[in-house]
């Protein structure tokens, strides 16, 4: 009981390095004019937080980025799960789809940006395609591998009970593969968030944290750049934490024994 209580208390040693970095940053900002430009002081950063909060600009861009990331994740992960399942249960689909999947996966998403810009313009459509693809790849792979790793003896039991192929998939293959599928989903979430910010930096039309960073760069607002970078990191961490909590709750049975 005592150990389970203390595991939720953050270790104070984990705060030492961040505090030292903050103090060093503030000291650098006070050295001279050049350092003051490159290292915005804590006072400037706080003033920037107040400015963005009062104007509502930060909230609008956070909402745009989070919505874009979740939409792309939903589209990409759903398509990835369907393709991964199809390739895992159908030999014909495996032969037809797998070579194309691996060929496309080798092309970096950044290399496809000019093509998407020409086809779909510089707006949300191109961004969503980039985010969806980044979520699509890991879910396809994890779904395929998870279903292949299901022990064939389980399927044989289903055949003994004369279950149809759909029943075997729904009652045996899918439940057994779910932990592996969820692992791919957690990777897809991380990739979707990273590609959301990246796509907003490359396709500058519309709201988003990446767009806010580009505007801050053009205006030489180092304080806003730092604030947005911090917000991106915090949101990414919170998403990762939620996935870990969901995994621990959904797959408690894996820890038994």
C-alpha atoms as a PDB file:
ATOM      1  CA  UNK A   1       0.000   0.000   0.000  1.00  0.00           C
ATOM      2  CA  UNK A   2       2.803   2.363   0.920  1.00  0.00           C
ATOM      3  CA  UNK A   3       4.693   1.672  -2.311  1.00  0.00           C
ATOM      4  CA  UNK A   4       1.580   2.247  -4.443  1.00  0.00           C
ATOM      5  CA  UNK A   5       1.122   5.623  -2.719  1.00  0.00           C
ATOM      6  CA  UNK A   6       4.688   6.829  -3.205  1.00  0.00           C
ATOM      7  CA  UNK A   7       4.837   5.885  -6.887  1.00  0.00           C
ATOM      8  CA  UNK A   8       2.433   8.771  -7.644  1.00  0.00           C
ATOM      9  CA  UNK A   9       4.671  11.327  -5.901  1.00  0.00           C
ATOM     10  CA  UNK A  10       7.116  12.913  -8.390  1.00  0.00           C
ATOM     11  CA  UNK A  11      10.756  12.390  -7.488  1.00  0.00           C
ATOM     12  CA  UNK A  12      12.162  15.826  -6.603  1.00  0.00           C
ATOM     13  CA  UNK A  13      15.396  14.955  -8.414  1.00  0.00           C
ATOM     14  CA  UNK A  14      13.501  15.073 -11.697  1.00  0.00           C
ATOM     15  CA  UNK A  15      13.005  18.821 -11.200  1.00  0.00           C
ATOM     16  CA  UNK A  16      16.678  19.648 -10.679  1.00  0.00           C
ATOM     17  CA  UNK A  17      17.732  19.777 -14.338  1.00  0.00           C
ATOM     18  CA  UNK A  18      14.702  21.803 -15.573  1.00  0.00           C
ATOM     19  CA  UNK A  19      15.205  24.351 -12.780  1.00  0.00           C
ATOM     20  CA  UNK A  20      18.917  24.666 -13.579  1.00  0.00           C
ATOM     21  CA  UNK A  21      18.127  25.148 -17.281  1.00  0.00           C
ATOM     22  CA  UNK A  22      15.577  27.873 -16.467  1.00  0.00           C
ATOM     23  CA  UNK A  23      18.021  29.687 -14.181  1.00  0.00           C
ATOM     24  CA  UNK A  24      20.821  29.437 -16.761  1.00  0.00           C
ATOM     25  CA  UNK A  25      18.460  30.681 -19.480  1.00  0.00           C
ATOM     26  CA  UNK A  26      17.455  33.710 -17.419  1.00  0.00           C
ATOM     27  CA  UNK A  27      21.103  34.455 -16.611  1.00  0.00           C
ATOM     28  CA  UNK A  28      22.047  34.304 -20.304  1.00  0.00           C
ATOM     29  CA  UNK A  29      19.254  36.739 -21.175  1.00  0.00           C
ATOM     30  CA  UNK A  30      20.821  39.347 -18.869  1.00  0.00           C
ATOM     31  CA  UNK A  31      24.392  39.243 -20.226  1.00  0.00           C
ATOM     32  CA  UNK A  32      24.180  41.670 -23.157  1.00  0.00           C
ATOM     33  CA  UNK A  33      21.965  42.760 -26.047  1.00  0.00           C
ATOM     34  CA  UNK A  34      22.870  39.810 -28.264  1.00  0.00           C
ATOM     35  CA  UNK A  35      22.061  37.303 -25.545  1.00  0.00           C
ATOM     36  CA  UNK A  36      18.888  39.188 -24.633  1.00  0.00           C
ATOM     37  CA  UNK A  37      17.688  38.737 -28.233  1.00  0.00           C
ATOM     38  CA  UNK A  38      18.531  35.036 -28.407  1.00  0.00           C
ATOM     39  CA  UNK A  39      17.384  34.214 -24.853  1.00  0.00           C
ATOM     40  CA  UNK A  40      14.146  35.961 -23.923  1.00  0.00           C
ATOM     41  CA  UNK A  41      14.013  36.686 -20.198  1.00  0.00           C
ATOM     42  CA  UNK A  42      11.482  35.052 -17.906  1.00  0.00           C
ATOM     43  CA  UNK A  43       9.732  38.412 -17.595  1.00  0.00           C
ATOM     44  CA  UNK A  44       9.361  38.689 -21.376  1.00  0.00           C
ATOM     45  CA  UNK A  45       8.083  35.129 -21.604  1.00  0.00           C
ATOM     46  CA  UNK A  46       5.493  35.759 -18.905  1.00  0.00           C
ATOM     47  CA  UNK A  47       4.400  38.962 -20.650  1.00  0.00           C
ATOM     48  CA  UNK A  48       4.003  36.933 -23.845  1.00  0.00           C
ATOM     49  CA  UNK A  49       1.842  34.385 -22.015  1.00  0.00           C
ATOM     50  CA  UNK A  50      -0.411  37.179 -20.744  1.00  0.00           C
ATOM     51  CA  UNK A  51      -0.614  38.724 -24.218  1.00  0.00           C
ATOM     52  CA  UNK A  52      -1.536  35.445 -25.938  1.00  0.00           C
ATOM     53  CA  UNK A  53      -4.051  34.573 -23.227  1.00  0.00           C
ATOM     54  CA  UNK A  54      -5.845  37.917 -23.335  1.00  0.00           C
ATOM     55  CA  UNK A  55      -6.054  37.968 -27.126  1.00  0.00           C
ATOM     56  CA  UNK A  56      -7.232  34.346 -27.261  1.00  0.00           C
ATOM     57  CA  UNK A  57      -4.671  33.662 -29.976  1.00  0.00           C
ATOM     58  CA  UNK A  58      -3.029  30.785 -28.131  1.00  0.00           C
ATOM     59  CA  UNK A  59      -6.310  29.000 -27.417  1.00  0.00           C
ATOM     60  CA  UNK A  60      -7.496  29.316 -31.027  1.00  0.00           C
ATOM     61  CA  UNK A  61      -4.275  27.847 -32.384  1.00  0.00           C
ATOM     62  CA  UNK A  62      -4.162  25.075 -29.773  1.00  0.00           C
ATOM     63  CA  UNK A  63      -7.709  24.060 -30.688  1.00  0.00           C
ATOM     64  CA  UNK A  64      -6.860  24.060 -34.402  1.00  0.00           C
ATOM     65  CA  UNK A  65      -3.766  21.881 -33.933  1.00  0.00           C
ATOM     66  CA  UNK A  66      -5.402  19.404 -31.553  1.00  0.00           C
ATOM     67  CA  UNK A  67      -8.451  19.066 -33.792  1.00  0.00           C
ATOM     68  CA  UNK A  68      -6.234  18.544 -36.843  1.00  0.00           C
ATOM     69  CA  UNK A  69      -4.136  15.924 -35.056  1.00  0.00           C
ATOM     70  CA  UNK A  70      -7.149  13.979 -33.763  1.00  0.00           C
ATOM     71  CA  UNK A  71      -8.948  14.104 -37.117  1.00  0.00           C
ATOM     72  CA  UNK A  72      -5.869  12.876 -38.961  1.00  0.00           C
ATOM     73  CA  UNK A  73      -5.323  10.208 -36.310  1.00  0.00           C
ATOM     74  CA  UNK A  74      -8.906   8.969 -36.645  1.00  0.00           C
ATOM     75  CA  UNK A  75      -8.735   8.814 -40.442  1.00  0.00           C
ATOM     76  CA  UNK A  76      -5.264   7.293 -40.639  1.00  0.00           C
ATOM     77  CA  UNK A  77      -5.670   4.798 -37.796  1.00  0.00           C
ATOM     78  CA  UNK A  78      -9.071   3.629 -39.067  1.00  0.00           C
ATOM     79  CA  UNK A  79      -7.738   3.048 -42.571  1.00  0.00           C
ATOM     80  CA  UNK A  80      -4.607   1.429 -41.163  1.00  0.00           C
ATOM     81  CA  UNK A  81      -6.616  -0.970 -39.011  1.00  0.00           C
ATOM     82  CA  UNK A  82      -8.808  -2.010 -41.951  1.00  0.00           C
ATOM     83  CA  UNK A  83      -5.858  -2.536 -44.302  1.00  0.00           C
ATOM     84  CA  UNK A  84      -3.802  -4.331 -41.653  1.00  0.00           C
ATOM     85  CA  UNK A  85      -6.702  -6.662 -40.841  1.00  0.00           C
ATOM     86  CA  UNK A  86      -7.386  -7.386 -44.495  1.00  0.00           C
ATOM     87  CA  UNK A  87      -3.754  -8.179 -45.250  1.00  0.00           C
ATOM     88  CA  UNK A  88      -3.526 -10.413 -42.166  1.00  0.00           C
ATOM     89  CA  UNK A  89      -6.592 -12.559 -42.930  1.00  0.00           C
ATOM     90  CA  UNK A  90      -6.487 -12.636 -46.738  1.00  0.00           C
ATOM     91  CA  UNK A  91      -3.579 -14.132 -48.660  1.00  0.00           C
ATOM     92  CA  UNK A  92      -4.733 -12.437 -51.867  1.00  0.00           C
ATOM     93  CA  UNK A  93      -4.841  -9.028 -50.187  1.00  0.00           C
ATOM     94  CA  UNK A  94      -1.400  -9.703 -48.704  1.00  0.00           C
ATOM     95  CA  UNK A  95       0.047 -10.385 -52.147  1.00  0.00           C
ATOM     96  CA  UNK A  96      -1.615  -7.342 -53.736  1.00  0.00           C
ATOM     97  CA  UNK A  97      -1.240  -4.725 -50.996  1.00  0.00           C
ATOM     98  CA  UNK A  98       1.964  -5.489 -49.072  1.00  0.00           C
ATOM     99  CA  UNK A  99       4.463  -4.553 -51.843  1.00  0.00           C
ATOM    100  CA  UNK A 100       2.633  -1.278 -52.513  1.00  0.00           C
ATOM    101  CA  UNK A 101       2.488  -0.461 -48.797  1.00  0.00           C
ATOM    102  CA  UNK A 102       6.209  -1.031 -48.254  1.00  0.00           C
ATOM    103  CA  UNK A 103       7.099   0.931 -51.401  1.00  0.00           C
ATOM    104  CA  UNK A 104       5.054   3.972 -50.350  1.00  0.00           C
ATOM    105  CA  UNK A 105       6.266   3.746 -46.747  1.00  0.00           C
ATOM    106  CA  UNK A 106       9.865   4.227 -47.881  1.00  0.00           C
ATOM    107  CA  UNK A 107       9.065   7.681 -49.276  1.00  0.00           C
ATOM    108  CA  UNK A 108       9.543  10.321 -46.533  1.00  0.00           C
ATOM    109  CA  UNK A 109       6.437  12.389 -45.887  1.00  0.00           C
ATOM    110  CA  UNK A 110       8.509  15.535 -46.378  1.00  0.00           C
ATOM    111  CA  UNK A 111       9.259  14.315 -49.897  1.00  0.00           C
ATOM    112  CA  UNK A 112       5.535  14.206 -50.646  1.00  0.00           C
ATOM    113  CA  UNK A 113       4.863  17.755 -49.454  1.00  0.00           C
ATOM    114  CA  UNK A 114       5.489  19.450 -52.857  1.00  0.00           C
ATOM    115  CA  UNK A 115       3.215  16.909 -54.528  1.00  0.00           C
ATOM    116  CA  UNK A 116       0.412  17.457 -52.025  1.00  0.00           C
ATOM    117  CA  UNK A 117       0.820  21.226 -52.350  1.00  0.00           C
ATOM    118  CA  UNK A 118       0.343  21.018 -56.127  1.00  0.00           C
ATOM    119  CA  UNK A 119      -2.601  18.644 -55.908  1.00  0.00           C
ATOM    120  CA  UNK A 120      -4.504  19.982 -52.902  1.00  0.00           C
ATOM    121  CA  UNK A 121      -3.136  23.465 -52.253  1.00  0.00           C
ATOM    122  CA  UNK A 122      -1.645  24.964 -49.121  1.00  0.00           C
ATOM    123  CA  UNK A 123      -4.571  24.483 -46.755  1.00  0.00           C
ATOM    124  CA  UNK A 124      -6.146  21.946 -44.426  1.00  0.00           C
ATOM    125  CA  UNK A 125      -6.535  19.165 -46.991  1.00  0.00           C
ATOM    126  CA  UNK A 126      -2.787  18.816 -47.492  1.00  0.00           C
ATOM    127  CA  UNK A 127      -2.178  18.974 -43.747  1.00  0.00           C
ATOM    128  CA  UNK A 128      -4.754  16.282 -43.023  1.00  0.00           C
ATOM    129  CA  UNK A 129      -3.264  13.978 -45.646  1.00  0.00           C
ATOM    130  CA  UNK A 130       0.192  14.309 -44.088  1.00  0.00           C
ATOM    131  CA  UNK A 131      -1.153  13.680 -40.575  1.00  0.00           C
ATOM    132  CA  UNK A 132      -3.328  10.764 -41.703  1.00  0.00           C
ATOM    133  CA  UNK A 133      -0.450   9.059 -43.498  1.00  0.00           C
ATOM    134  CA  UNK A 134       1.807   9.417 -40.477  1.00  0.00           C
ATOM    135  CA  UNK A 135      -0.837   7.634 -38.372  1.00  0.00           C
ATOM    136  CA  UNK A 136      -1.669   5.105 -41.090  1.00  0.00           C
ATOM    137  CA  UNK A 137       1.727   3.405 -41.405  1.00  0.00           C
ATOM    138  CA  UNK A 138       2.298   2.223 -37.804  1.00  0.00           C
ATOM    139  CA  UNK A 139      -1.291   1.002 -37.373  1.00  0.00           C
ATOM    140  CA  UNK A 140      -1.128  -1.114 -40.535  1.00  0.00           C
ATOM    141  CA  UNK A 141       2.095  -2.738 -39.373  1.00  0.00           C
ATOM    142  CA  UNK A 142       1.027  -3.331 -35.766  1.00  0.00           C
ATOM    143  CA  UNK A 143      -2.370  -4.725 -36.784  1.00  0.00           C
ATOM    144  CA  UNK A 144      -0.831  -7.070 -39.336  1.00  0.00           C
ATOM    145  CA  UNK A 145       1.886  -8.330 -36.990  1.00  0.00           C
ATOM    146  CA  UNK A 146      -0.483  -8.607 -34.031  1.00  0.00           C
ATOM    147  CA  UNK A 147      -2.897 -10.819 -35.937  1.00  0.00           C
ATOM    148  CA  UNK A 148      -0.138 -12.976 -37.385  1.00  0.00           C
ATOM    149  CA  UNK A 149       1.228 -13.619 -33.889  1.00  0.00           C
ATOM    150  CA  UNK A 150      -2.061 -15.076 -32.654  1.00  0.00           C
ATOM    151  CA  UNK A 151      -1.486 -18.756 -31.893  1.00  0.00           C
ATOM    152  CA  UNK A 152      -2.955 -20.917 -34.671  1.00  0.00           C
ATOM    153  CA  UNK A 153      -4.266 -23.318 -32.010  1.00  0.00           C
ATOM    154  CA  UNK A 154      -6.840 -20.694 -31.029  1.00  0.00           C
ATOM    155  CA  UNK A 155      -8.157 -20.584 -34.584  1.00  0.00           C
ATOM    156  CA  UNK A 156      -8.234 -24.372 -34.703  1.00  0.00           C
ATOM    157  CA  UNK A 157     -10.434 -24.386 -31.617  1.00  0.00           C
ATOM    158  CA  UNK A 158     -12.785 -22.002 -33.412  1.00  0.00           C
ATOM    159  CA  UNK A 159     -12.886 -24.328 -36.401  1.00  0.00           C
ATOM    160  CA  UNK A 160     -13.698 -27.250 -34.111  1.00  0.00           C
ATOM    161  CA  UNK A 161     -16.726 -25.292 -32.904  1.00  0.00           C
ATOM    162  CA  UNK A 162     -17.564 -24.584 -36.549  1.00  0.00           C
ATOM    163  CA  UNK A 163     -17.228 -20.840 -36.283  1.00  0.00           C
ATOM    164  CA  UNK A 164     -17.280 -18.875 -39.532  1.00  0.00           C
ATOM    165  CA  UNK A 165     -14.218 -16.917 -40.678  1.00  0.00           C
ATOM    166  CA  UNK A 166     -15.884 -13.715 -39.492  1.00  0.00           C
ATOM    167  CA  UNK A 167     -16.654 -15.224 -36.086  1.00  0.00           C
ATOM    168  CA  UNK A 168     -13.081 -16.476 -35.719  1.00  0.00           C
ATOM    169  CA  UNK A 169     -11.813 -13.000 -36.587  1.00  0.00           C
ATOM    170  CA  UNK A 170     -14.219 -11.197 -34.237  1.00  0.00           C
ATOM    171  CA  UNK A 171     -14.088 -13.583 -31.276  1.00  0.00           C
ATOM    172  CA  UNK A 172     -10.523 -14.934 -31.429  1.00  0.00           C
ATOM    173  CA  UNK A 173      -8.098 -13.098 -33.708  1.00  0.00           C
ATOM    174  CA  UNK A 174      -9.086  -9.511 -32.956  1.00  0.00           C
ATOM    175  CA  UNK A 175      -9.228  -9.758 -29.130  1.00  0.00           C
ATOM    176  CA  UNK A 176      -5.866 -11.547 -29.041  1.00  0.00           C
ATOM    177  CA  UNK A 177      -4.261  -8.943 -31.317  1.00  0.00           C
ATOM    178  CA  UNK A 178      -5.704  -5.865 -29.590  1.00  0.00           C
ATOM    179  CA  UNK A 179      -2.691  -5.140 -27.322  1.00  0.00           C
ATOM    180  CA  UNK A 180      -0.390  -5.060 -30.356  1.00  0.00           C
ATOM    181  CA  UNK A 181      -2.905  -2.938 -32.277  1.00  0.00           C
ATOM    182  CA  UNK A 182      -3.066  -0.492 -29.382  1.00  0.00           C
ATOM    183  CA  UNK A 183       0.728  -0.233 -29.368  1.00  0.00           C
ATOM    184  CA  UNK A 184       0.559   0.839 -32.994  1.00  0.00           C
ATOM    185  CA  UNK A 185      -2.176   3.325 -32.116  1.00  0.00           C
ATOM    186  CA  UNK A 186       0.019   4.911 -29.428  1.00  0.00           C
ATOM    187  CA  UNK A 187       2.810   5.314 -31.988  1.00  0.00           C
ATOM    188  CA  UNK A 188       0.297   6.724 -34.454  1.00  0.00           C
ATOM    189  CA  UNK A 189      -0.778   9.354 -31.931  1.00  0.00           C
ATOM    190  CA  UNK A 190       2.812  10.489 -31.396  1.00  0.00           C
ATOM    191  CA  UNK A 191       3.489  10.621 -35.139  1.00  0.00           C
ATOM    192  CA  UNK A 192       0.193  12.413 -35.781  1.00  0.00           C
ATOM    193  CA  UNK A 193       1.046  15.151 -33.282  1.00  0.00           C
ATOM    194  CA  UNK A 194       4.558  15.630 -34.667  1.00  0.00           C
ATOM    195  CA  UNK A 195       3.340  15.684 -38.258  1.00  0.00           C
ATOM    196  CA  UNK A 196       0.568  18.130 -37.336  1.00  0.00           C
ATOM    197  CA  UNK A 197       3.096  20.708 -36.183  1.00  0.00           C
ATOM    198  CA  UNK A 198       5.380  19.924 -39.124  1.00  0.00           C
ATOM    199  CA  UNK A 199       2.576  20.269 -41.673  1.00  0.00           C
ATOM    200  CA  UNK A 200       1.563  23.611 -40.165  1.00  0.00           C
ATOM    201  CA  UNK A 201       5.123  24.852 -40.538  1.00  0.00           C
ATOM    202  CA  UNK A 202       5.206  23.755 -44.184  1.00  0.00           C
ATOM    203  CA  UNK A 203       1.627  24.622 -45.187  1.00  0.00           C
ATOM    204  CA  UNK A 204       1.255  28.003 -43.528  1.00  0.00           C
ATOM    205  CA  UNK A 205      -2.382  28.734 -44.444  1.00  0.00           C
ATOM    206  CA  UNK A 206      -4.827  28.493 -41.545  1.00  0.00           C
ATOM    207  CA  UNK A 207      -4.604  28.454 -37.769  1.00  0.00           C
ATOM    208  CA  UNK A 208      -2.349  26.167 -35.764  1.00  0.00           C
ATOM    209  CA  UNK A 209       0.617  26.198 -33.404  1.00  0.00           C
ATOM    210  CA  UNK A 210       3.026  25.739 -36.301  1.00  0.00           C
ATOM    211  CA  UNK A 211       1.543  28.765 -38.023  1.00  0.00           C
ATOM    212  CA  UNK A 212       1.821  30.740 -34.779  1.00  0.00           C
ATOM    213  CA  UNK A 213       5.508  29.810 -34.599  1.00  0.00           C
ATOM    214  CA  UNK A 214       6.103  30.996 -38.166  1.00  0.00           C
ATOM    215  CA  UNK A 215       4.409  34.323 -37.434  1.00  0.00           C
ATOM    216  CA  UNK A 216       6.517  34.717 -34.287  1.00  0.00           C
ATOM    217  CA  UNK A 217       9.680  34.005 -36.262  1.00  0.00           C
ATOM    218  CA  UNK A 218       8.807  36.632 -38.871  1.00  0.00           C
ATOM    219  CA  UNK A 219       8.107  39.150 -36.101  1.00  0.00           C
ATOM    220  CA  UNK A 220      11.309  38.197 -34.213  1.00  0.00           C
ATOM    221  CA  UNK A 221       9.244  37.300 -31.137  1.00  0.00           C
ATOM    222  CA  UNK A 222      11.541  34.917 -29.308  1.00  0.00           C
ATOM    223  CA  UNK A 223       9.233  34.905 -26.282  1.00  0.00           C
ATOM    224  CA  UNK A 224       6.297  33.580 -28.302  1.00  0.00           C
ATOM    225  CA  UNK A 225       8.487  30.964 -29.983  1.00  0.00           C
ATOM    226  CA  UNK A 226       9.506  29.661 -26.569  1.00  0.00           C
ATOM    227  CA  UNK A 227       5.924  29.676 -25.285  1.00  0.00           C
ATOM    228  CA  UNK A 228       4.597  27.764 -28.292  1.00  0.00           C
ATOM    229  CA  UNK A 229       7.445  25.245 -28.130  1.00  0.00           C
ATOM    230  CA  UNK A 230       6.657  24.629 -24.462  1.00  0.00           C
ATOM    231  CA  UNK A 231       2.924  24.240 -25.171  1.00  0.00           C
ATOM    232  CA  UNK A 232       3.635  21.740 -27.967  1.00  0.00           C
ATOM    233  CA  UNK A 233       5.770  19.672 -25.617  1.00  0.00           C
ATOM    234  CA  UNK A 234       3.217  19.745 -22.797  1.00  0.00           C
ATOM    235  CA  UNK A 235       0.345  18.739 -25.086  1.00  0.00           C
ATOM    236  CA  UNK A 236       2.403  15.904 -26.556  1.00  0.00           C
ATOM    237  CA  UNK A 237       3.272  14.682 -23.068  1.00  0.00           C
ATOM    238  CA  UNK A 238      -0.373  14.793 -21.947  1.00  0.00           C
ATOM    239  CA  UNK A 239      -1.464  12.801 -25.001  1.00  0.00           C
ATOM    240  CA  UNK A 240       1.204  10.189 -24.294  1.00  0.00           C
ATOM    241  CA  UNK A 241       0.136  10.020 -20.648  1.00  0.00           C
ATOM    242  CA  UNK A 242      -3.520   9.507 -21.575  1.00  0.00           C
ATOM    243  CA  UNK A 243      -2.573   6.652 -23.904  1.00  0.00           C
ATOM    244  CA  UNK A 244      -0.529   4.977 -21.147  1.00  0.00           C
ATOM    245  CA  UNK A 245      -3.401   5.286 -18.680  1.00  0.00           C
ATOM    246  CA  UNK A 246      -5.867   3.906 -21.227  1.00  0.00           C
ATOM    247  CA  UNK A 247      -3.555   0.990 -22.005  1.00  0.00           C
ATOM    248  CA  UNK A 248      -3.109   0.172 -18.321  1.00  0.00           C
ATOM    249  CA  UNK A 249      -6.888   0.221 -17.846  1.00  0.00           C
ATOM    250  CA  UNK A 250      -7.848  -1.744 -20.973  1.00  0.00           C
ATOM    251  CA  UNK A 251      -5.216  -4.443 -20.700  1.00  0.00           C
ATOM    252  CA  UNK A 252      -5.089  -5.164 -16.989  1.00  0.00           C
ATOM    253  CA  UNK A 253      -5.374  -8.855 -17.806  1.00  0.00           C
ATOM    254  CA  UNK A 254      -1.893  -8.809 -19.369  1.00  0.00           C
ATOM    255  CA  UNK A 255      -0.399  -8.011 -15.956  1.00  0.00           C
ATOM    256  CA  UNK A 256      -2.128 -10.920 -14.241  1.00  0.00           C
ATOM    257  CA  UNK A 257       0.303 -13.675 -13.415  1.00  0.00           C
END
